[in-house]
Amino acid sequence: MKYRVVHYIESDGFGGAEQMMLNLIQAIDKNNWEPILVYHPHPGILTFINRVEALKITTISVPLITGLGDLSSMKALIEKLRELHPEVFHAHLVSNLRCSFGIICANLADVKAIVATQHSYQDLQTHGLHKKYKRLIYQKLISMFVDRYIAVSFKQAEHLKKAVMCQNKVKVVQNCVNVKDYSVTSDRSLLKSIVNNLEVKPVILTVARLDKLKGHKYLIDAASMVPEAIFLLAGDGPERANFENQARELNITERIVFLGQRDDIPELLDVCDLFVLPSLLEGLPLSILEAMAASRPVLASDIEGIDEILINGQNGFLVPPANARALAKQINLVLSDKQLLERISASGRECVTKKFSIEKMVAGVTEIYEDILTQKKWSWNS
């Protein structure tokens, strides 16, 4: 029997969470599972939708639900789910309470299994006391409609268990990559098409949404202290204008290249000398796994999620978050030791191949699907 899975998102861009969805949809066994994508239209996700459709996967656009009072949009989603009649509704949450209305609608549409992957989770301690408890109560109420939460890191699972009604609902399936997708070769012509005078300059690449939580501010400050390197920033987002102004104020615009959204990340990784991710908050960043799969050395913030991938000095480098001076110092240090970079690159690829394979991720997710459906079938028959 083939089971239908509706993947549901409320996204306005193409980032790590969307790439993880794409990886899962592409790799899942189509003999057993029929994935369908349900989304809200937004210009920022057109690239993602096109890539899903290129896999011959059905995509369905529904109106954005603006609140519990938006009964017409909720009714449209409920009716669509009843029409599709999926066995599994899989919501993908890019922040704490995203997809909440979709989860409620799936429950009202009598979907057998409701799963929610928490791609990123911000500790509610960062909010004011009143707002914190209001959001925590809402989180617990929503969790009553979810059969399983998937945390993409073990640290994230710890936070989720404190926020949901039943801790046993939280399972960990770490993000993974298809290593084969990053076994590519390129040449310097790609870089020459982006910027001139690269012959003697090391190239540092960052792939991340241009958002405050990704820490670009500290990377750009650090770039002013690494005068011999070119910094390529792949990705787009709401802070782009601010980061461009910062680069102008530091007078380093000739060495900071804003690439925008790119669909050639494997090729960019192949021609960079070092991958840097200065994030302040992460789940378990796919971009680091991609860089390691491409045999690129990685330098990143020492924060939850990232510390489940990188061991400092063994398969990557860790620096304190929000510290431009420490970041610049470490960049200068690792760029000066070619043998160290080669050793770290090899160790990183070996780590990804063994611990973060796409097959492992798909097996973890489908096991959760099967477990819920088996339990529901037993309860119905008893």
Protein backbone atom coordinates (compact mmCIF):
# COMPACT_ATOMS: atom_id res chain seq x y z
CA MET A 1 0.00 0.00 0.00
CA LYS A 2 1.20 3.50 -0.83
CA TYR A 3 0.63 6.20 1.80
CA ARG A 4 0.04 9.83 0.89
CA VAL A 5 2.03 12.48 2.79
CA VAL A 6 1.11 16.16 2.63
CA HIS A 7 4.12 18.37 3.38
CA TYR A 8 2.98 21.78 4.58
CA ILE A 9 5.02 24.99 4.85
CA GLU A 10 4.55 28.66 5.67
CA SER A 11 7.71 30.02 4.08
CA ASP A 12 8.70 33.25 2.39
CA GLY A 13 12.16 32.15 1.24
CA PHE A 14 14.36 29.25 0.19
CA GLY A 15 16.65 28.31 3.07
CA GLY A 16 17.88 25.28 4.95
CA ALA A 17 14.43 24.07 6.01
CA GLU A 18 13.15 24.15 2.45
CA GLN A 19 16.28 22.37 1.20
CA MET A 20 15.76 19.67 3.83
CA MET A 21 12.17 19.22 2.63
CA LEU A 22 13.47 18.93 -0.91
CA ASN A 23 16.02 16.31 0.17
CA LEU A 24 13.35 14.28 1.96
CA ILE A 25 10.81 14.50 -0.86
CA GLN A 26 13.43 13.53 -3.42
CA ALA A 27 14.90 10.59 -1.50
CA ILE A 28 11.83 8.96 0.04
CA ASP A 29 10.75 5.63 -1.46
CA LYS A 30 7.99 6.53 -3.93
CA ASN A 31 6.79 2.91 -3.96
CA ASN A 32 5.61 3.32 -0.37
CA TRP A 33 5.05 7.07 0.02
CA GLU A 34 3.38 9.68 -2.20
CA PRO A 35 4.57 13.18 -1.20
CA ILE A 36 2.47 16.25 -2.00
CA LEU A 37 3.47 19.83 -1.18
CA VAL A 38 0.86 22.29 0.11
CA TYR A 39 2.07 25.88 0.46
CA HIS A 40 1.08 29.52 0.60
CA PRO A 41 2.14 31.54 -2.46
CA HIS A 42 5.03 33.98 -1.97
CA PRO A 43 7.59 35.29 -4.50
CA GLY A 44 10.45 34.18 -2.26
CA ILE A 45 9.69 30.47 -2.60
CA LEU A 46 9.21 30.24 -6.37
CA THR A 47 12.61 28.60 -6.78
CA PHE A 48 11.73 26.00 -4.16
CA ILE A 49 8.34 25.26 -5.73
CA ASN A 50 9.94 24.91 -9.17
CA ARG A 51 12.48 22.42 -7.82
CA VAL A 52 9.75 20.34 -6.18
CA GLU A 53 7.73 20.32 -9.39
CA ALA A 54 10.85 19.27 -11.34
CA LEU A 55 10.75 16.06 -9.27
CA LYS A 56 7.24 15.40 -10.67
CA ILE A 57 5.72 16.06 -7.25
CA THR A 58 2.25 17.62 -7.01
CA THR A 59 2.23 21.12 -5.50
CA ILE A 60 -0.93 22.85 -4.30
CA SER A 61 -1.30 26.51 -3.38
CA VAL A 62 -3.76 27.52 -0.63
CA PRO A 63 -4.50 30.94 0.90
CA LEU A 64 -2.38 32.05 3.86
CA ILE A 65 -4.27 31.68 7.15
CA THR A 66 -3.87 34.98 8.97
CA GLY A 67 -5.44 33.93 12.27
CA LEU A 68 -8.14 31.87 13.92
CA GLY A 69 -10.66 34.41 12.68
CA ASP A 70 -9.69 33.75 9.06
CA LEU A 71 -12.37 31.10 8.68
CA SER A 72 -12.48 31.17 4.87
CA SER A 73 -8.76 30.30 4.54
CA MET A 74 -9.00 27.63 7.23
CA LYS A 75 -12.04 26.14 5.49
CA ALA A 76 -10.14 26.09 2.17
CA LEU A 77 -7.28 24.11 3.71
CA ILE A 78 -9.60 21.71 5.54
CA GLU A 79 -11.54 21.02 2.34
CA LYS A 80 -8.33 20.49 0.38
CA LEU A 81 -7.03 18.04 2.97
CA ARG A 82 -10.32 16.13 2.96
CA GLU A 83 -10.11 15.98 -0.82
CA LEU A 84 -6.51 14.73 -0.77
CA HIS A 85 -7.21 12.36 2.15
CA PRO A 86 -3.56 11.91 3.19
CA GLU A 87 -2.47 9.40 5.80
CA VAL A 88 0.21 11.83 7.05
CA PHE A 89 0.25 15.62 7.44
CA HIS A 90 3.86 16.77 7.87
CA ALA A 91 4.25 20.42 8.88
CA HIS A 92 7.66 22.08 8.59
CA LEU A 93 8.21 24.79 11.21
CA VAL A 94 10.92 27.37 10.48
CA SER A 95 10.23 29.03 13.85
CA ASN A 96 8.51 28.09 17.10
CA LEU A 97 4.83 28.40 16.23
CA ARG A 98 4.79 28.38 12.44
CA CYS A 99 2.16 26.16 10.76
CA SER A 100 -0.04 26.19 13.90
CA PHE A 101 -3.23 26.92 11.95
CA GLY A 102 -2.31 24.27 9.40
CA ILE A 103 -1.90 21.72 12.20
CA ILE A 104 -5.33 22.65 13.58
CA CYS A 105 -6.86 22.27 10.11
CA ALA A 106 -5.24 18.84 9.64
CA ASN A 107 -6.80 17.73 12.92
CA LEU A 108 -10.21 19.03 11.88
CA ALA A 109 -9.80 17.23 8.53
CA ASP A 110 -9.26 13.94 10.42
CA VAL A 111 -5.77 13.26 9.05
CA LYS A 112 -4.52 10.03 10.68
CA ALA A 113 -0.96 11.11 11.52
CA ILE A 114 0.19 14.68 12.19
CA VAL A 115 3.95 15.27 12.29
CA ALA A 116 5.81 18.56 12.81
CA THR A 117 9.51 19.05 12.10
CA GLN A 118 10.95 21.90 14.16
CA HIS A 119 13.70 23.20 11.86
CA SER A 120 14.55 26.11 14.15
CA TYR A 121 13.54 26.80 17.74
CA GLN A 122 14.16 29.98 19.71
CA ASP A 123 14.24 29.63 23.50
CA LEU A 124 11.28 31.48 24.97
CA GLN A 125 13.57 32.91 27.67
CA THR A 126 14.43 35.61 25.13
CA HIS A 127 10.89 37.01 25.33
CA GLY A 128 9.30 39.13 28.05
CA LEU A 129 7.72 37.21 30.93
CA HIS A 130 4.10 37.82 29.89
CA LYS A 131 4.76 37.08 26.25
CA LYS A 132 6.82 34.03 27.18
CA TYR A 133 4.02 32.38 29.16
CA LYS A 134 1.39 33.31 26.58
CA ARG A 135 3.44 31.67 23.81
CA LEU A 136 4.28 28.68 26.00
CA ILE A 137 0.60 28.03 26.74
CA TYR A 138 -0.21 28.34 23.05
CA GLN A 139 2.65 25.96 22.19
CA LYS A 140 1.33 23.37 24.66
CA LEU A 141 -2.19 23.65 23.25
CA ILE A 142 -1.00 23.21 19.68
CA SER A 143 1.12 20.23 20.70
CA MET A 144 -2.06 18.38 21.65
CA PHE A 145 -2.88 18.14 17.93
CA VAL A 146 0.57 16.79 16.96
CA ASP A 147 1.38 13.07 17.11
CA ARG A 148 5.15 13.52 16.83
CA TYR A 149 7.57 16.41 16.81
CA ILE A 150 10.83 15.91 14.94
CA ALA A 151 13.74 17.91 16.35
CA VAL A 152 16.69 18.28 13.98
CA SER A 153 19.21 18.31 16.84
CA PHE A 154 19.43 16.84 20.34
CA LYS A 155 19.75 20.25 22.01
CA GLN A 156 16.66 21.43 20.16
CA ALA A 157 14.81 18.35 21.40
CA GLU A 158 15.59 19.36 24.99
CA HIS A 159 13.96 22.76 24.44
CA LEU A 160 10.95 21.24 22.69
CA LYS A 161 10.32 18.75 25.48
CA LYS A 162 9.92 21.65 27.89
CA ALA A 163 7.47 23.39 25.57
CA VAL A 164 5.08 20.60 24.51
CA MET A 165 2.44 18.79 26.54
CA CYS A 166 3.96 15.31 26.22
CA GLN A 167 7.73 14.83 26.10
CA ASN A 168 7.39 11.38 24.49
CA LYS A 169 6.13 13.07 21.33
CA VAL A 170 9.57 14.55 20.62
CA LYS A 171 11.95 12.48 18.49
CA VAL A 172 15.31 13.43 16.99
CA VAL A 173 16.10 13.03 13.30
CA GLN A 174 19.18 15.07 12.46
CA ASN A 175 19.46 16.93 9.18
CA CYS A 176 21.39 15.10 6.48
CA VAL A 177 22.68 15.60 2.94
CA ASN A 178 23.18 13.52 -0.15
CA VAL A 179 26.97 13.50 -0.26
CA LYS A 180 26.96 12.61 -3.97
CA ASP A 181 25.35 15.96 -4.81
CA TYR A 182 28.47 17.76 -3.59
CA SER A 183 31.07 15.65 -5.37
CA VAL A 184 31.49 18.19 -8.16
CA THR A 185 34.45 19.91 -9.75
CA SER A 186 34.54 23.46 -11.04
CA ASP A 187 37.26 25.92 -12.06
CA ARG A 188 38.28 29.49 -11.45
CA SER A 189 36.12 30.72 -14.33
CA LEU A 190 33.12 30.63 -12.01
CA LEU A 191 34.88 32.98 -9.61
CA LYS A 192 36.15 35.22 -12.38
CA SER A 193 32.56 35.68 -13.49
CA ILE A 194 31.78 36.98 -9.98
CA VAL A 195 34.79 39.10 -9.08
CA ASN A 196 38.21 40.01 -10.52
CA ASN A 197 41.75 39.64 -9.14
CA LEU A 198 41.22 36.30 -7.44
CA GLU A 199 44.50 34.69 -8.47
CA VAL A 200 46.26 35.29 -5.16
CA LYS A 201 43.33 35.73 -2.76
CA PRO A 202 41.76 33.04 -0.59
CA VAL A 203 37.99 32.79 -1.03
CA ILE A 204 35.66 32.52 1.97
CA LEU A 205 32.08 31.44 1.35
CA THR A 206 28.98 31.83 3.52
CA VAL A 207 25.62 30.37 2.52
CA ALA A 208 22.80 31.70 4.70
CA ARG A 209 19.69 33.84 4.69
CA LEU A 210 20.58 37.50 5.19
CA ASP A 211 19.00 37.72 8.61
CA LYS A 212 20.25 39.10 11.94
CA LEU A 213 20.30 35.63 13.52
CA LYS A 214 22.77 34.36 10.92
CA GLY A 215 25.47 36.67 12.28
CA HIS A 216 26.59 38.34 9.03
CA LYS A 217 27.21 41.57 10.95
CA TYR A 218 30.11 39.95 12.77
CA LEU A 219 31.41 38.28 9.63
CA ILE A 220 31.56 41.61 7.78
CA ASP A 221 33.35 43.22 10.73
CA ALA A 222 35.78 40.28 10.73
CA ALA A 223 36.34 40.70 6.98
CA SER A 224 37.81 44.15 7.64
CA MET A 225 40.48 42.37 9.71
CA VAL A 226 41.27 39.76 7.03
CA PRO A 227 42.50 42.04 4.21
CA GLU A 228 43.87 39.30 1.94
CA ALA A 229 40.56 37.39 1.51
CA ILE A 230 37.48 37.67 -0.67
CA PHE A 231 34.14 37.00 1.06
CA LEU A 232 31.25 35.57 -0.97
CA LEU A 233 27.82 35.78 0.69
CA ALA A 234 25.24 33.52 -0.98
CA GLY A 235 21.64 34.07 0.06
CA ASP A 236 19.13 36.87 0.36
CA GLY A 237 16.93 38.26 3.08
CA PRO A 238 15.56 41.29 4.93
CA GLU A 239 18.93 42.56 6.18
CA ARG A 240 20.70 42.76 2.83
CA ALA A 241 20.59 46.56 2.56
CA ASN A 242 21.93 46.96 6.11
CA PHE A 243 24.80 44.54 5.49
CA GLU A 244 25.69 46.27 2.22
CA ASN A 245 25.77 49.61 4.05
CA GLN A 246 28.01 48.08 6.71
CA ALA A 247 30.48 46.91 4.06
CA ARG A 248 30.50 50.40 2.51
CA GLU A 249 31.14 52.04 5.88
CA LEU A 250 34.10 49.70 6.44
CA ASN A 251 35.36 50.45 2.91
CA ILE A 252 35.58 46.75 1.98
CA THR A 253 32.93 46.53 -0.75
CA GLU A 254 35.52 45.26 -3.24
CA ARG A 255 36.06 42.19 -1.03
CA ILE A 256 32.45 41.52 0.08
CA VAL A 257 30.34 40.10 -2.74
CA PHE A 258 26.60 39.68 -2.21
CA LEU A 259 25.62 36.85 -4.56
CA GLY A 260 21.89 36.74 -3.77
CA GLN A 261 19.97 33.48 -4.02
CA ARG A 262 22.05 30.86 -5.87
CA ASP A 263 21.28 27.44 -7.32
CA ASP A 264 24.95 26.47 -7.82
CA ILE A 265 26.01 25.94 -4.19
CA PRO A 266 28.01 22.75 -4.93
CA GLU A 267 30.04 24.64 -7.52
CA LEU A 268 30.60 27.60 -5.20
CA LEU A 269 31.74 25.26 -2.45
CA ASP A 270 34.19 23.56 -4.79
CA VAL A 271 36.04 26.81 -5.53
CA CYS A 272 36.12 28.29 -2.02
CA ASP A 273 39.03 27.86 0.40
CA LEU A 274 37.03 28.10 3.62
CA PHE A 275 33.33 27.96 4.56
CA VAL A 276 32.22 30.20 7.43
CA LEU A 277 28.86 30.26 9.26
CA PRO A 278 28.74 32.92 12.02
CA SER A 279 25.17 32.14 13.19
CA LEU A 280 23.70 33.17 16.53
CA LEU A 281 20.88 30.59 16.43
CA GLU A 282 20.55 27.31 14.52
CA GLY A 283 18.73 24.01 14.53
CA LEU A 284 21.27 21.81 12.80
CA PRO A 285 22.55 23.81 9.82
CA LEU A 286 22.37 22.08 6.48
CA SER A 287 24.88 24.49 4.94
CA ILE A 288 27.65 23.15 7.19
CA LEU A 289 26.85 19.57 6.19
CA GLU A 290 26.92 20.61 2.53
CA ALA A 291 30.33 22.22 2.94
CA MET A 292 31.72 19.15 4.70
CA ALA A 293 30.27 16.89 1.99
CA ALA A 294 32.11 19.04 -0.56
CA SER A 295 35.37 18.52 1.40
CA ARG A 296 35.56 22.17 2.40
CA PRO A 297 36.96 23.17 5.82
CA VAL A 298 34.29 24.76 8.03
CA LEU A 299 34.58 27.51 10.65
CA ALA A 300 31.40 28.27 12.58
CA SER A 301 29.93 29.68 15.79
CA ASP A 302 30.14 27.51 18.89
CA ILE A 303 26.38 27.30 19.50
CA GLU A 304 23.75 24.62 20.03
CA GLY A 305 23.16 22.54 16.91
CA ILE A 306 26.49 23.37 15.32
CA ASP A 307 28.31 21.75 18.25
CA GLU A 308 26.56 18.47 17.35
CA ILE A 309 28.34 18.49 13.99
CA LEU A 310 31.74 20.08 14.56
CA ILE A 311 34.46 19.07 16.98
CA ASN A 312 36.92 21.93 17.18
CA GLY A 313 40.24 21.06 15.57
CA GLN A 314 39.05 17.60 14.45
CA ASN A 315 36.48 18.04 11.69
CA GLY A 316 36.05 21.82 11.78
CA PHE A 317 36.70 24.98 13.76
CA LEU A 318 34.50 26.65 16.41
CA VAL A 319 34.61 30.26 17.60
CA PRO A 320 32.52 32.18 20.16
CA PRO A 321 29.37 33.67 18.59
CA ALA A 322 28.94 37.44 18.08
CA ASN A 323 32.69 38.02 18.35
CA ALA A 324 34.16 39.54 15.18
CA ARG A 325 37.69 39.77 16.54
CA ALA A 326 37.80 36.08 17.51
CA LEU A 327 36.31 35.16 14.15
CA ALA A 328 38.92 37.16 12.23
CA LYS A 329 41.75 35.73 14.32
CA GLN A 330 40.63 32.16 13.62
CA ILE A 331 40.16 32.83 9.89
CA ASN A 332 43.69 34.22 9.63
CA LEU A 333 45.06 31.29 11.61
CA VAL A 334 43.49 28.50 9.56
CA LEU A 335 44.18 30.15 6.21
CA SER A 336 47.87 30.19 7.08
CA ASP A 337 48.05 26.39 7.50
CA LYS A 338 47.29 24.54 4.26
CA GLN A 339 48.03 21.10 5.71
CA LEU A 340 45.59 21.75 8.57
CA LEU A 341 42.87 22.76 6.11
CA GLU A 342 43.39 19.58 4.08
CA ARG A 343 43.22 17.38 7.18
CA ILE A 344 40.07 19.07 8.46
CA SER A 345 38.44 18.84 5.02
CA ALA A 346 39.02 15.09 4.80
CA SER A 347 37.78 14.53 8.35
CA GLY A 348 34.66 16.60 7.69
CA ARG A 349 33.66 14.62 4.63
CA GLU A 350 34.21 11.34 6.48
CA CYS A 351 32.01 12.58 9.33
CA VAL A 352 29.13 13.54 7.02
CA THR A 353 29.33 10.26 5.11
CA LYS A 354 29.11 8.20 8.32
CA LYS A 355 26.74 10.23 10.50
CA PHE A 356 24.64 12.51 8.29
CA SER A 357 23.70 10.52 5.19
CA ILE A 358 20.40 11.13 3.42
CA GLU A 359 19.50 7.47 3.83
CA LYS A 360 19.73 7.78 7.63
CA MET A 361 17.44 10.81 7.67
CA VAL A 362 14.80 9.26 5.41
CA ALA A 363 14.81 6.06 7.48
CA GLY A 364 14.28 8.08 10.67
CA VAL A 365 11.36 10.06 9.26
CA THR A 366 9.57 7.10 7.67
CA GLU A 367 9.98 5.09 10.87
CA ILE A 368 8.07 7.85 12.67
CA TYR A 369 5.33 7.81 10.01
CA GLU A 370 4.99 4.05 10.28
CA ASP A 371 4.99 4.06 14.07
CA ILE A 372 2.09 6.54 14.27
CA LEU A 373 0.04 4.80 11.57
CA THR A 374 0.55 1.42 13.22
CA GLN A 375 -0.55 2.77 16.61
CA LYS A 376 -3.58 4.51 15.10
CA LYS A 377 -4.61 1.37 13.22
CA TRP A 378 -4.35 -0.71 16.40
CA SER A 379 -6.42 1.79 18.38
CA TRP A 380 -9.12 1.88 15.71
CA ASN A 381 -9.34 -1.91 15.57
CA SER A 382 -9.33 -2.48 19.33
